[in-house]
Amino acid sequence: MPKSSPQKLKYQAVYNAKPENVNKREANNRARQAAIRSGKAKVGDDTQVDHIVPLDVGGATDAKSNLRVIKRSENAAWRKRQPKMYGDNKK
């Protein structure tokens, strides 16, 4: 696997330090830890905590009714199934 270039690493550091990205990452980490504590997920089980209504369209950050545990591959594939929510219309 190729290593990241210094320019890309610099960009990622700036991007990850933005307050909105820090808040989003913290919310995802809190949701994951809550799922692990409740027994819905385990460390290393290849699952992710998914927001049923995405945060970008007004979904609740920490509401348990907006969270579910699904396989990593299924969570990554929703963009193909929802092009109007993500992708073509987001430009």
PDB file of N, CA and C in Angstrom:
ATOM      1  N   MET A   1       0.846  -1.169   0.000  1.00  0.00           N
ATOM      2  CA  MET A   1       0.000   0.000   0.000  1.00  0.00           C
ATOM      3  C   MET A   1       0.895   1.237   0.000  1.00  0.00           C
ATOM      4  N   PRO A   2       0.650   2.184  -0.901  1.00  0.00           N
ATOM      5  CA  PRO A   2       1.511   3.370  -0.967  1.00  0.00           C
ATOM      6  C   PRO A   2       1.330   4.258   0.261  1.00  0.00           C
ATOM      7  N   LYS A   3       2.411   4.909   0.649  1.00  0.00           N
ATOM      8  CA  LYS A   3       2.356   5.823   1.780  1.00  0.00           C
ATOM      9  C   LYS A   3       1.782   7.160   1.323  1.00  0.00           C
ATOM     10  N   SER A   4       1.197   7.880   2.252  1.00  0.00           N
ATOM     11  CA  SER A   4       0.657   9.198   1.941  1.00  0.00           C
ATOM     12  C   SER A   4       1.790  10.193   1.742  1.00  0.00           C
ATOM     13  N   SER A   5       1.567  11.115   0.835  1.00  0.00           N
ATOM     14  CA  SER A   5       2.565  12.151   0.577  1.00  0.00           C
ATOM     15  C   SER A   5       2.558  13.172   1.722  1.00  0.00           C
ATOM     16  N   PRO A   6       3.640  13.903   1.883  1.00  0.00           N
ATOM     17  CA  PRO A   6       3.668  14.942   2.929  1.00  0.00           C
ATOM     18  C   PRO A   6       2.557  15.987   2.755  1.00  0.00           C
ATOM     19  N   GLN A   7       2.225  16.308   1.500  1.00  0.00           N
ATOM     20  CA  GLN A   7       1.159  17.272   1.256  1.00  0.00           C
ATOM     21  C   GLN A   7      -0.189  16.729   1.744  1.00  0.00           C
ATOM     22  N   LYS A   8      -0.438  15.463   1.477  1.00  0.00           N
ATOM     23  CA  LYS A   8      -1.701  14.877   1.904  1.00  0.00           C
ATOM     24  C   LYS A   8      -1.773  14.790   3.420  1.00  0.00           C
ATOM     25  N   LEU A   9      -0.687  14.426   4.072  1.00  0.00           N
ATOM     26  CA  LEU A   9      -0.664  14.362   5.528  1.00  0.00           C
ATOM     27  C   LEU A   9      -0.919  15.734   6.146  1.00  0.00           C
ATOM     28  N   LYS A  10      -0.351  16.761   5.548  1.00  0.00           N
ATOM     29  CA  LYS A  10      -0.560  18.125   6.032  1.00  0.00           C
ATOM     30  C   LYS A  10      -2.026  18.529   5.875  1.00  0.00           C
ATOM     31  N   TYR A  11      -2.600  18.219   4.708  1.00  0.00           N
ATOM     32  CA  TYR A  11      -4.011  18.520   4.470  1.00  0.00           C
ATOM     33  C   TYR A  11      -4.902  17.781   5.468  1.00  0.00           C
ATOM     34  N   GLN A  12      -4.635  16.506   5.699  1.00  0.00           N
ATOM     35  CA  GLN A  12      -5.442  15.716   6.626  1.00  0.00           C
ATOM     36  C   GLN A  12      -5.364  16.266   8.043  1.00  0.00           C
ATOM     37  N   ALA A  13      -4.180  16.733   8.464  1.00  0.00           N
ATOM     38  CA  ALA A  13      -4.034  17.297   9.795  1.00  0.00           C
ATOM     39  C   ALA A  13      -4.896  18.549   9.952  1.00  0.00           C
ATOM     40  N   VAL A  14      -4.905  19.406   8.936  1.00  0.00           N
ATOM     41  CA  VAL A  14      -5.719  20.626   8.977  1.00  0.00           C
ATOM     42  C   VAL A  14      -7.199  20.260   8.941  1.00  0.00           C
ATOM     43  N   TYR A  15      -7.583  19.343   8.069  1.00  0.00           N
ATOM     44  CA  TYR A  15      -8.983  18.919   7.930  1.00  0.00           C
ATOM     45  C   TYR A  15      -9.500  18.315   9.227  1.00  0.00           C
ATOM     46  N   ASN A  16      -8.720  17.429   9.833  1.00  0.00           N
ATOM     47  CA  ASN A  16      -9.152  16.750  11.057  1.00  0.00           C
ATOM     48  C   ASN A  16      -9.193  17.681  12.263  1.00  0.00           C
ATOM     49  N   ALA A  17      -8.510  18.816  12.212  1.00  0.00           N
ATOM     50  CA  ALA A  17      -8.498  19.762  13.322  1.00  0.00           C
ATOM     51  C   ALA A  17      -9.660  20.744  13.277  1.00  0.00           C
ATOM     52  N   LYS A  18     -10.411  20.783  12.171  1.00  0.00           N
ATOM     53  CA  LYS A  18     -11.541  21.709  12.070  1.00  0.00           C
ATOM     54  C   LYS A  18     -12.590  21.326  13.115  1.00  0.00           C
ATOM     55  N   PRO A  19     -13.170  22.319  13.792  1.00  0.00           N
ATOM     56  CA  PRO A  19     -14.130  22.030  14.868  1.00  0.00           C
ATOM     57  C   PRO A  19     -15.303  21.152  14.443  1.00  0.00           C
ATOM     58  N   GLU A  20     -15.838  21.368  13.240  1.00  0.00           N
ATOM     59  CA  GLU A  20     -16.985  20.551  12.819  1.00  0.00           C
ATOM     60  C   GLU A  20     -16.585  19.090  12.631  1.00  0.00           C
ATOM     61  N   ASN A  21     -15.358  18.838  12.179  1.00  0.00           N
ATOM     62  CA  ASN A  21     -14.901  17.465  12.005  1.00  0.00           C
ATOM     63  C   ASN A  21     -14.547  16.821  13.349  1.00  0.00           C
ATOM     64  N   VAL A  22     -14.021  17.609  14.270  1.00  0.00           N
ATOM     65  CA  VAL A  22     -13.740  17.104  15.613  1.00  0.00           C
ATOM     66  C   VAL A  22     -15.050  16.707  16.289  1.00  0.00           C
ATOM     67  N   ASN A  23     -16.071  17.566  16.184  1.00  0.00           N
ATOM     68  CA  ASN A  23     -17.371  17.270  16.800  1.00  0.00           C
ATOM     69  C   ASN A  23     -17.998  16.023  16.200  1.00  0.00           C
ATOM     70  N   LYS A  24     -17.905  15.869  14.883  1.00  0.00           N
ATOM     71  CA  LYS A  24     -18.480  14.700  14.222  1.00  0.00           C
ATOM     72  C   LYS A  24     -17.772  13.415  14.660  1.00  0.00           C
ATOM     73  N   ARG A  25     -16.440  13.491  14.750  1.00  0.00           N
ATOM     74  CA  ARG A  25     -15.656  12.334  15.172  1.00  0.00           C
ATOM     75  C   ARG A  25     -15.961  11.966  16.624  1.00  0.00           C
ATOM     76  N   GLU A  26     -16.099  12.975  17.494  1.00  0.00           N
ATOM     77  CA  GLU A  26     -16.431  12.714  18.891  1.00  0.00           C
ATOM     78  C   GLU A  26     -17.807  12.065  19.020  1.00  0.00           C
ATOM     79  N   ALA A  27     -18.770  12.531  18.225  1.00  0.00           N
ATOM     80  CA  ALA A  27     -20.118  11.955  18.258  1.00  0.00           C
ATOM     81  C   ALA A  27     -20.091  10.501  17.803  1.00  0.00           C
ATOM     82  N   ASN A  28     -19.335  10.214  16.748  1.00  0.00           N
ATOM     83  CA  ASN A  28     -19.228   8.835  16.268  1.00  0.00           C
ATOM     84  C   ASN A  28     -18.553   7.949  17.312  1.00  0.00           C
ATOM     85  N   ASN A  29     -17.520   8.467  17.968  1.00  0.00           N
ATOM     86  CA  ASN A  29     -16.832   7.684  18.999  1.00  0.00           C
ATOM     87  C   ASN A  29     -17.745   7.408  20.192  1.00  0.00           C
ATOM     88  N   ARG A  30     -18.530   8.418  20.612  1.00  0.00           N
ATOM     89  CA  ARG A  30     -19.477   8.218  21.711  1.00  0.00           C
ATOM     90  C   ARG A  30     -20.514   7.163  21.346  1.00  0.00           C
ATOM     91  N   ALA A  31     -21.029   7.213  20.119  1.00  0.00           N
ATOM     92  CA  ALA A  31     -22.040   6.249  19.677  1.00  0.00           C
ATOM     93  C   ALA A  31     -21.455   4.842  19.649  1.00  0.00           C
ATOM     94  N   ARG A  32     -20.230   4.696  19.180  1.00  0.00           N
ATOM     95  CA  ARG A  32     -19.573   3.380  19.120  1.00  0.00           C
ATOM     96  C   ARG A  32     -19.362   2.822  20.529  1.00  0.00           C
ATOM     97  N   GLN A  33     -18.873   3.658  21.439  1.00  0.00           N
ATOM     98  CA  GLN A  33     -18.641   3.203  22.804  1.00  0.00           C
ATOM     99  C   GLN A  33     -19.944   2.808  23.498  1.00  0.00           C
ATOM    100  N   ALA A  34     -21.021   3.545  23.239  1.00  0.00           N
ATOM    101  CA  ALA A  34     -22.322   3.196  23.806  1.00  0.00           C
ATOM    102  C   ALA A  34     -22.802   1.850  23.273  1.00  0.00           C
ATOM    103  N   ALA A  35     -22.588   1.592  21.988  1.00  0.00           N
ATOM    104  CA  ALA A  35     -22.984   0.313  21.400  1.00  0.00           C
ATOM    105  C   ALA A  35     -22.165  -0.833  21.985  1.00  0.00           C
ATOM    106  N   ILE A  36     -20.901  -0.594  22.248  1.00  0.00           N
ATOM    107  CA  ILE A  36     -20.057  -1.632  22.860  1.00  0.00           C
ATOM    108  C   ILE A  36     -20.511  -1.899  24.288  1.00  0.00           C
ATOM    109  N   ARG A  37     -20.788  -0.832  25.045  1.00  0.00           N
ATOM    110  CA  ARG A  37     -21.246  -1.005  26.433  1.00  0.00           C
ATOM    111  C   ARG A  37     -22.570  -1.753  26.504  1.00  0.00           C
ATOM    112  N   SER A  38     -23.460  -1.513  25.549  1.00  0.00           N
ATOM    113  CA  SER A  38     -24.766  -2.169  25.574  1.00  0.00           C
ATOM    114  C   SER A  38     -24.732  -3.581  24.993  1.00  0.00           C
ATOM    115  N   GLY A  39     -23.597  -3.983  24.422  1.00  0.00           N
ATOM    116  CA  GLY A  39     -23.469  -5.329  23.885  1.00  0.00           C
ATOM    117  C   GLY A  39     -23.890  -5.477  22.437  1.00  0.00           C
ATOM    118  N   LYS A  40     -24.242  -4.393  21.776  1.00  0.00           N
ATOM    119  CA  LYS A  40     -24.662  -4.465  20.376  1.00  0.00           C
ATOM    120  C   LYS A  40     -23.483  -4.597  19.429  1.00  0.00           C
ATOM    121  N   ALA A  41     -22.305  -4.189  19.880  1.00  0.00           N
ATOM    122  CA  ALA A  41     -21.095  -4.270  19.058  1.00  0.00           C
ATOM    123  C   ALA A  41     -19.946  -4.746  19.935  1.00  0.00           C
ATOM    124  N   LYS A  42     -18.921  -5.257  19.292  1.00  0.00           N
ATOM    125  CA  LYS A  42     -17.718  -5.700  19.989  1.00  0.00           C
ATOM    126  C   LYS A  42     -16.513  -5.114  19.275  1.00  0.00           C
ATOM    127  N   VAL A  43     -15.427  -4.984  19.996  1.00  0.00           N
ATOM    128  CA  VAL A  43     -14.201  -4.470  19.408  1.00  0.00           C
ATOM    129  C   VAL A  43     -13.716  -5.465  18.361  1.00  0.00           C
ATOM    130  N   GLY A  44     -13.437  -4.979  17.165  1.00  0.00           N
ATOM    131  CA  GLY A  44     -12.916  -5.815  16.091  1.00  0.00           C
ATOM    132  C   GLY A  44     -13.933  -6.686  15.389  1.00  0.00           C
ATOM    133  N   ASP A  45     -15.218  -6.390  15.512  1.00  0.00           N
ATOM    134  CA  ASP A  45     -16.246  -7.241  14.905  1.00  0.00           C
ATOM    135  C   ASP A  45     -16.654  -6.801  13.505  1.00  0.00           C
ATOM    136  N   ASP A  46     -15.940  -5.842  12.903  1.00  0.00           N
ATOM    137  CA  ASP A  46     -16.186  -5.379  11.541  1.00  0.00           C
ATOM    138  C   ASP A  46     -17.581  -4.760  11.377  1.00  0.00           C
ATOM    139  N   THR A  47     -18.025  -4.049  12.422  1.00  0.00           N
ATOM    140  CA  THR A  47     -19.290  -3.329  12.331  1.00  0.00           C
ATOM    141  C   THR A  47     -19.035  -1.851  12.596  1.00  0.00           C
ATOM    142  N   GLN A  48     -20.016  -1.043  12.205  1.00  0.00           N
ATOM    143  CA  GLN A  48     -19.975   0.386  12.462  1.00  0.00           C
ATOM    144  C   GLN A  48     -21.325   0.823  12.993  1.00  0.00           C
ATOM    145  N   VAL A  49     -21.330   1.915  13.733  1.00  0.00           N
ATOM    146  CA  VAL A  49     -22.574   2.501  14.189  1.00  0.00           C
ATOM    147  C   VAL A  49     -23.024   3.481  13.112  1.00  0.00           C
ATOM    148  N   ASP A  50     -24.214   3.267  12.600  1.00  0.00           N
ATOM    149  CA  ASP A  50     -24.759   4.044  11.490  1.00  0.00           C
ATOM    150  C   ASP A  50     -25.840   4.971  12.008  1.00  0.00           C
ATOM    151  N   HIS A  51     -25.870   6.187  11.491  1.00  0.00           N
ATOM    152  CA  HIS A  51     -26.970   7.108  11.763  1.00  0.00           C
ATOM    153  C   HIS A  51     -28.035   6.845  10.705  1.00  0.00           C
ATOM    154  N   ILE A  52     -29.209   6.455  11.116  1.00  0.00           N
ATOM    155  CA  ILE A  52     -30.288   6.132  10.189  1.00  0.00           C
ATOM    156  C   ILE A  52     -30.625   7.358   9.348  1.00  0.00           C
ATOM    157  N   VAL A  53     -30.820   8.499   9.998  1.00  0.00           N
ATOM    158  CA  VAL A  53     -30.968   9.773   9.293  1.00  0.00           C
ATOM    159  C   VAL A  53     -29.606  10.449   9.394  1.00  0.00           C
ATOM    160  N   PRO A  54     -28.897  10.626   8.278  1.00  0.00           N
ATOM    161  CA  PRO A  54     -27.546  11.170   8.327  1.00  0.00           C
ATOM    162  C   PRO A  54     -27.485  12.540   8.989  1.00  0.00           C
ATOM    163  N   LEU A  55     -26.354  12.805   9.639  1.00  0.00           N
ATOM    164  CA  LEU A  55     -26.158  14.075  10.322  1.00  0.00           C
ATOM    165  C   LEU A  55     -26.231  15.242   9.349  1.00  0.00           C
ATOM    166  N   ASP A  56     -25.789  15.043   8.112  1.00  0.00           N
ATOM    167  CA  ASP A  56     -25.780  16.106   7.110  1.00  0.00           C
ATOM    168  C   ASP A  56     -27.178  16.591   6.728  1.00  0.00           C
ATOM    169  N   VAL A  57     -28.183  15.762   6.956  1.00  0.00           N
ATOM    170  CA  VAL A  57     -29.551  16.173   6.606  1.00  0.00           C
ATOM    171  C   VAL A  57     -30.408  16.347   7.856  1.00  0.00           C
ATOM    172  N   GLY A  58     -29.759  16.553   9.005  1.00  0.00           N
ATOM    173  CA  GLY A  58     -30.494  16.888  10.215  1.00  0.00           C
ATOM    174  C   GLY A  58     -30.767  15.751  11.166  1.00  0.00           C
ATOM    175  N   GLY A  59     -30.099  14.632  11.015  1.00  0.00           N
ATOM    176  CA  GLY A  59     -30.287  13.521  11.935  1.00  0.00           C
ATOM    177  C   GLY A  59     -29.734  13.836  13.312  1.00  0.00           C
ATOM    178  N   ALA A  60     -30.330  13.249  14.334  1.00  0.00           N
ATOM    179  CA  ALA A  60     -29.890  13.481  15.710  1.00  0.00           C
ATOM    180  C   ALA A  60     -28.539  12.818  15.948  1.00  0.00           C
ATOM    181  N   THR A  61     -27.660  13.524  16.633  1.00  0.00           N
ATOM    182  CA  THR A  61     -26.298  13.053  16.844  1.00  0.00           C
ATOM    183  C   THR A  61     -26.243  11.835  17.760  1.00  0.00           C
ATOM    184  N   ASP A  62     -26.808  11.955  18.962  1.00  0.00           N
ATOM    185  CA  ASP A  62     -26.669  10.904  19.966  1.00  0.00           C
ATOM    186  C   ASP A  62     -27.975  10.189  20.298  1.00  0.00           C
ATOM    187  N   ALA A  63     -29.042  10.474  19.579  1.00  0.00           N
ATOM    188  CA  ALA A  63     -30.319   9.838  19.876  1.00  0.00           C
ATOM    189  C   ALA A  63     -30.241   8.355  19.557  1.00  0.00           C
ATOM    190  N   LYS A  64     -30.568   7.523  20.524  1.00  0.00           N
ATOM    191  CA  LYS A  64     -30.495   6.075  20.318  1.00  0.00           C
ATOM    192  C   LYS A  64     -31.436   5.611  19.215  1.00  0.00           C
ATOM    193  N   SER A  65     -32.521   6.348  19.006  1.00  0.00           N
ATOM    194  CA  SER A  65     -33.464   5.961  17.955  1.00  0.00           C
ATOM    195  C   SER A  65     -32.899   6.211  16.560  1.00  0.00           C
ATOM    196  N   ASN A  66     -31.811   6.986  16.457  1.00  0.00           N
ATOM    197  CA  ASN A  66     -31.212   7.279  15.161  1.00  0.00           C
ATOM    198  C   ASN A  66     -29.954   6.451  14.914  1.00  0.00           C
ATOM    199  N   LEU A  67     -29.633   5.521  15.800  1.00  0.00           N
ATOM    200  CA  LEU A  67     -28.410   4.739  15.672  1.00  0.00           C
ATOM    201  C   LEU A  67     -28.719   3.260  15.497  1.00  0.00           C
ATOM    202  N   ARG A  68     -27.883   2.597  14.694  1.00  0.00           N
ATOM    203  CA  ARG A  68     -27.975   1.147  14.541  1.00  0.00           C
ATOM    204  C   ARG A  68     -26.574   0.619  14.247  1.00  0.00           C
ATOM    205  N   VAL A  69     -26.350  -0.636  14.554  1.00  0.00           N
ATOM    206  CA  VAL A  69     -25.057  -1.279  14.295  1.00  0.00           C
ATOM    207  C   VAL A  69     -25.219  -2.148  13.056  1.00  0.00           C
ATOM    208  N   ILE A  70     -24.400  -1.865  12.022  1.00  0.00           N
ATOM    209  CA  ILE A  70     -24.458  -2.631  10.783  1.00  0.00           C
ATOM    210  C   ILE A  70     -23.048  -2.977  10.332  1.00  0.00           C
ATOM    211  N   LYS A  71     -22.939  -3.894   9.374  1.00  0.00           N
ATOM    212  CA  LYS A  71     -21.636  -4.273   8.841  1.00  0.00           C
ATOM    213  C   LYS A  71     -20.969  -3.095   8.158  1.00  0.00           C
ATOM    214  N   ARG A  72     -19.656  -3.062   8.228  1.00  0.00           N
ATOM    215  CA  ARG A  72     -18.870  -1.971   7.647  1.00  0.00           C
ATOM    216  C   ARG A  72     -19.145  -1.837   6.143  1.00  0.00           C
ATOM    217  N   SER A  73     -19.214  -2.956   5.431  1.00  0.00           N
ATOM    218  CA  SER A  73     -19.434  -2.903   3.981  1.00  0.00           C
ATOM    219  C   SER A  73     -20.812  -2.344   3.643  1.00  0.00           C
ATOM    220  N   GLU A  74     -21.809  -2.665   4.453  1.00  0.00           N
ATOM    221  CA  GLU A  74     -23.159  -2.151   4.218  1.00  0.00           C
ATOM    222  C   GLU A  74     -23.223  -0.646   4.484  1.00  0.00           C
ATOM    223  N   ASN A  75     -22.523  -0.193   5.501  1.00  0.00           N
ATOM    224  CA  ASN A  75     -22.518   1.227   5.823  1.00  0.00           C
ATOM    225  C   ASN A  75     -21.808   2.036   4.737  1.00  0.00           C
ATOM    226  N   ALA A  76     -20.787   1.477   4.134  1.00  0.00           N
ATOM    227  CA  ALA A  76     -20.054   2.186   3.089  1.00  0.00           C
ATOM    228  C   ALA A  76     -20.812   2.198   1.763  1.00  0.00           C
ATOM    229  N   ALA A  77     -21.752   1.291   1.572  1.00  0.00           N
ATOM    230  CA  ALA A  77     -22.443   1.163   0.294  1.00  0.00           C
ATOM    231  C   ALA A  77     -23.675   2.057   0.169  1.00  0.00           C
ATOM    232  N   TRP A  78     -24.089   2.746   1.226  1.00  0.00           N
ATOM    233  CA  TRP A  78     -25.333   3.510   1.153  1.00  0.00           C
ATOM    234  C   TRP A  78     -25.243   4.674   0.183  1.00  0.00           C
ATOM    235  N   ARG A  79     -24.057   5.185  -0.070  1.00  0.00           N
ATOM    236  CA  ARG A  79     -23.919   6.318  -0.984  1.00  0.00           C
ATOM    237  C   ARG A  79     -24.358   5.942  -2.399  1.00  0.00           C
ATOM    238  N   LYS A  80     -24.132   4.699  -2.781  1.00  0.00           N
ATOM    239  CA  LYS A  80     -24.555   4.241  -4.104  1.00  0.00           C
ATOM    240  C   LYS A  80     -26.067   4.106  -4.175  1.00  0.00           C
ATOM    241  N   ARG A  81     -26.686   3.750  -3.054  1.00  0.00           N
ATOM    242  CA  ARG A  81     -28.135   3.577  -3.030  1.00  0.00           C
ATOM    243  C   ARG A  81     -28.881   4.901  -2.866  1.00  0.00           C
ATOM    244  N   GLN A  82     -28.198   5.945  -2.383  1.00  0.00           N
ATOM    245  CA  GLN A  82     -28.833   7.232  -2.115  1.00  0.00           C
ATOM    246  C   GLN A  82     -28.114   8.368  -2.831  1.00  0.00           C
ATOM    247  N   PRO A  83     -28.078   8.375  -4.159  1.00  0.00           N
ATOM    248  CA  PRO A  83     -27.324   9.416  -4.870  1.00  0.00           C
ATOM    249  C   PRO A  83     -27.876  10.821  -4.664  1.00  0.00           C
ATOM    250  N   LYS A  84     -29.158  10.966  -4.366  1.00  0.00           N
ATOM    251  CA  LYS A  84     -29.716  12.298  -4.154  1.00  0.00           C
ATOM    252  C   LYS A  84     -29.292  12.883  -2.811  1.00  0.00           C
ATOM    253  N   MET A  85     -29.075  12.034  -1.825  1.00  0.00           N
ATOM    254  CA  MET A  85     -28.668  12.508  -0.526  1.00  0.00           C
ATOM    255  C   MET A  85     -27.171  12.771  -0.478  1.00  0.00           C
ATOM    256  N   TYR A  86     -26.420  12.019  -1.226  1.00  0.00           N
ATOM    257  CA  TYR A  86     -24.955  12.140  -1.198  1.00  0.00           C
ATOM    258  C   TYR A  86     -24.438  11.958  -2.611  1.00  0.00           C
ATOM    259  N   GLY A  87     -23.603  12.822  -3.040  1.00  0.00           N
ATOM    260  CA  GLY A  87     -23.034  12.638  -4.367  1.00  0.00           C
ATOM    261  C   GLY A  87     -23.462  13.712  -5.337  1.00  0.00           C
ATOM    262  N   ASP A  88     -24.312  13.370  -6.277  1.00  0.00           N
ATOM    263  CA  ASP A  88     -24.670  14.277  -7.382  1.00  0.00           C
ATOM    264  C   ASP A  88     -25.241  15.607  -6.901  1.00  0.00           C
ATOM    265  N   ASN A  89     -26.128  15.591  -5.919  1.00  0.00           N
ATOM    266  CA  ASN A  89     -26.777  16.826  -5.461  1.00  0.00           C
ATOM    267  C   ASN A  89     -25.954  17.589  -4.442  1.00  0.00           C
ATOM    268  N   LYS A  90     -24.924  17.011  -3.894  1.00  0.00           N
ATOM    269  CA  LYS A  90     -24.143  17.668  -2.853  1.00  0.00           C
ATOM    270  C   LYS A  90     -23.176  18.713  -3.420  1.00  0.00           C
ATOM    271  N   LYS A  91     -23.007  18.756  -4.718  1.00  0.00           N
ATOM    272  CA  LYS A  91     -22.042  19.689  -5.318  1.00  0.00           C
ATOM    273  C   LYS A  91     -22.538  21.097  -5.332  1.00  0.00           C
TER     274      LYS A  91
END
